[in-house]
Every structure is written in C-alpha cells, then in structure tokens.
C-alpha cells in the first residue's frame, strides 16, 4: 500500500476499533471487526457507507441491500466519487458471523466499473473462516 492513498489512515483506525486483521492490495481491503454492540447489519452498513461517502468528493451511493454470502447474512452497497484525484467506485460487502463482521471493500476506476462489477461483488464469496 502506498502512503497517501485513501486507505493509508484506515489501517490505523482499524486497529483502534479492534480489528484483528486488515489486508489491502491495490483493489481490495478485508477487515474483520467485533460483532459486539452491532445489533442490525443493515444499519451498520449505512453507517459505514456514510463514512465512506464523506471521504469522497462528488460522491453518489446505492442503497444498502441485504443478501446472503456463503449462507451468512450480508449487506452490500456501492459508492462512487473522487479520491486522490481519481474517480473510483467501491463495492462494500459486510458479512455477518457470530463473533465478527467481515468487511470486504473492493474498488476500481469508474471507467471499468460495469465490466468489473461481477468480480468486485464476487470477492466476498471467497472469504472463509468467519467466526
């Protein structure tokens, strides 16, 4: 991860919130957070979406929708906006476990969004070992 990307500070914030693991590659971040205190997944997803939209310029976003990922309750939303002078689209999926919620945040340049959407959404299906 390069310093100065919109996610450089997120790693430290994740540690402060008790994340046990935080991984980022050039287009994907996976972060489990404690389930404790989170009573409604969609409401939590809306909070995460609002924070993400606030970090983007000229942001738009979808509704948070409920779905199932590998037999688990999940919620997903997308957000598009400008970050570090690059227009990007994020697809964020929150997967509910018993002890944790795993947040899968994938992104691409907005120009590639339509062709990459199946890949971005499908990344959540590859997560296993959720507690």
Protein backbone atom coordinates (compact mmCIF):
# COMPACT_ATOMS: atom_id res chain seq x y z
CA UNK A 1 0.00 0.00 0.00
CA UNK A 2 1.29 3.41 -0.87
CA UNK A 3 1.27 6.21 1.66
CA UNK A 4 -1.15 8.89 0.58
CA UNK A 5 -3.81 6.53 -0.72
CA UNK A 6 -7.23 6.99 0.89
CA UNK A 7 -6.60 3.78 2.85
CA UNK A 8 -3.27 4.64 4.49
CA UNK A 9 -5.02 6.04 7.55
CA UNK A 10 -7.71 3.35 7.58
CA UNK A 11 -5.29 0.69 8.81
CA UNK A 12 -4.57 2.67 11.99
CA UNK A 13 -8.26 3.41 12.51
CA UNK A 14 -9.00 -0.29 12.08
CA UNK A 15 -6.51 -1.19 14.81
CA UNK A 16 -8.09 1.38 17.11
CA UNK A 17 -11.51 -0.25 16.55
CA UNK A 18 -10.14 -3.68 17.48
CA UNK A 19 -9.63 -5.23 14.06
CA UNK A 20 -7.72 -8.48 14.31
CA UNK A 21 -6.64 -8.42 10.68
CA UNK A 22 -6.50 -5.81 7.96
CA UNK A 23 -5.33 -6.64 4.47
CA UNK A 24 -5.10 -4.36 1.46
CA UNK A 25 -3.91 -4.95 -2.05
CA UNK A 26 -4.29 -2.50 -4.89
CA UNK A 27 -8.05 -3.02 -5.20
CA UNK A 28 -9.26 -4.86 -2.10
CA UNK A 29 -9.41 -4.42 1.67
CA UNK A 30 -10.66 -7.14 4.02
CA UNK A 31 -11.23 -6.26 7.65
CA UNK A 32 -13.00 -8.22 10.39
CA UNK A 33 -14.45 -6.20 13.26
CA UNK A 34 -16.00 -7.40 16.51
CA UNK A 35 -19.71 -8.12 16.25
CA UNK A 36 -20.18 -6.95 19.84
CA UNK A 37 -22.50 -3.95 20.01
CA UNK A 38 -23.72 -4.26 16.41
CA UNK A 39 -27.37 -5.29 16.55
CA UNK A 40 -28.54 -4.68 12.98
CA UNK A 41 -26.31 -5.35 9.98
CA UNK A 42 -28.04 -3.03 7.52
CA UNK A 43 -27.93 -0.12 9.97
CA UNK A 44 -24.21 -0.77 10.49
CA UNK A 45 -23.71 -0.89 6.70
CA UNK A 46 -25.43 2.50 6.38
CA UNK A 47 -23.04 3.94 8.97
CA UNK A 48 -20.04 2.55 7.07
CA UNK A 49 -21.45 3.89 3.80
CA UNK A 50 -21.93 7.37 5.22
CA UNK A 51 -18.33 7.45 6.44
CA UNK A 52 -17.05 6.29 3.05
CA UNK A 53 -19.15 8.81 1.14
CA UNK A 54 -17.89 11.58 3.43
CA UNK A 55 -14.30 10.78 2.39
CA UNK A 56 -15.10 11.13 -1.32
CA UNK A 57 -15.64 14.25 -3.40
CA UNK A 58 -18.78 14.41 -5.56
CA UNK A 59 -19.96 11.12 -4.07
CA UNK A 60 -23.01 9.08 -5.01
CA UNK A 61 -24.04 5.77 -3.48
CA UNK A 62 -26.52 2.95 -3.76
CA UNK A 63 -28.90 1.72 -1.10
CA UNK A 64 -27.57 -0.92 1.27
CA UNK A 65 -29.17 -4.21 0.27
CA UNK A 66 -29.44 -7.41 2.25
CA UNK A 67 -28.17 -10.61 0.73
CA UNK A 68 -26.64 -13.94 1.65
CA UNK A 69 -22.96 -14.75 1.17
CA UNK A 70 -21.92 -18.38 1.65
CA UNK A 71 -25.01 -18.97 3.80
CA UNK A 72 -24.41 -15.92 6.01
CA UNK A 73 -26.40 -12.71 6.35
CA UNK A 74 -24.73 -9.88 4.49
CA UNK A 75 -25.31 -6.33 3.30
CA UNK A 76 -23.84 -4.59 0.26
CA UNK A 77 -23.64 -1.07 -1.11
CA UNK A 78 -21.60 0.80 -3.68
CA UNK A 79 -20.18 4.31 -3.57
CA UNK A 80 -18.64 6.35 -6.37
CA UNK A 81 -16.62 9.51 -6.03
CA UNK A 82 -13.23 11.14 -6.38
CA UNK A 83 -10.37 10.22 -4.08
CA UNK A 84 -6.79 11.47 -4.57
CA UNK A 85 -7.92 12.99 -7.91
CA UNK A 86 -9.06 9.60 -9.23
CA UNK A 87 -12.73 8.73 -9.76
CA UNK A 88 -13.38 5.33 -8.21
CA UNK A 89 -16.27 3.02 -7.44
CA UNK A 90 -16.27 0.98 -4.23
CA UNK A 91 -18.34 -2.15 -3.65
CA UNK A 92 -18.53 -2.92 0.05
CA UNK A 93 -19.95 -6.16 1.42
CA UNK A 94 -20.41 -6.77 5.15
CA UNK A 95 -20.67 -10.46 6.08
CA UNK A 96 -22.11 -11.36 9.49
CA UNK A 97 -20.60 -14.05 11.64
CA UNK A 98 -21.29 -14.89 15.26
CA UNK A 99 -18.29 -13.07 16.77
CA UNK A 100 -17.28 -10.82 13.90
CA UNK A 101 -18.44 -8.95 10.85
CA UNK A 102 -16.09 -9.11 7.90
CA UNK A 103 -15.99 -6.04 5.69
CA UNK A 104 -14.89 -6.67 2.10
CA UNK A 105 -14.22 -3.38 0.34
CA UNK A 106 -13.24 -3.66 -3.34
CA UNK A 107 -12.74 -0.82 -5.79
CA UNK A 108 -11.93 0.03 -9.37
CA UNK A 109 -11.64 3.09 -11.55
CA UNK A 110 -15.11 4.24 -12.50
CA UNK A 111 -14.41 3.72 -16.19
CA UNK A 112 -14.09 -0.04 -15.52
CA UNK A 113 -16.99 -0.39 -13.11
CA UNK A 114 -19.51 -2.10 -15.38
CA UNK A 115 -17.11 -4.77 -16.61
CA UNK A 116 -15.57 -5.28 -13.13
CA UNK A 117 -18.80 -5.34 -11.10
CA UNK A 118 -19.19 -9.16 -11.15
CA UNK A 119 -15.60 -9.51 -9.92
CA UNK A 120 -15.98 -6.84 -7.23
CA UNK A 121 -19.19 -8.40 -5.92
CA UNK A 122 -17.79 -11.93 -6.19
CA UNK A 123 -14.79 -11.25 -3.97
CA UNK A 124 -16.97 -11.54 -0.87
CA UNK A 125 -17.79 -15.13 -1.89
CA UNK A 126 -14.13 -16.07 -1.49
CA UNK A 127 -13.96 -15.14 2.22
CA UNK A 128 -13.98 -18.11 4.58
CA UNK A 129 -13.23 -18.77 8.24
CA UNK A 130 -15.57 -16.11 9.59
CA UNK A 131 -16.03 -16.52 13.33
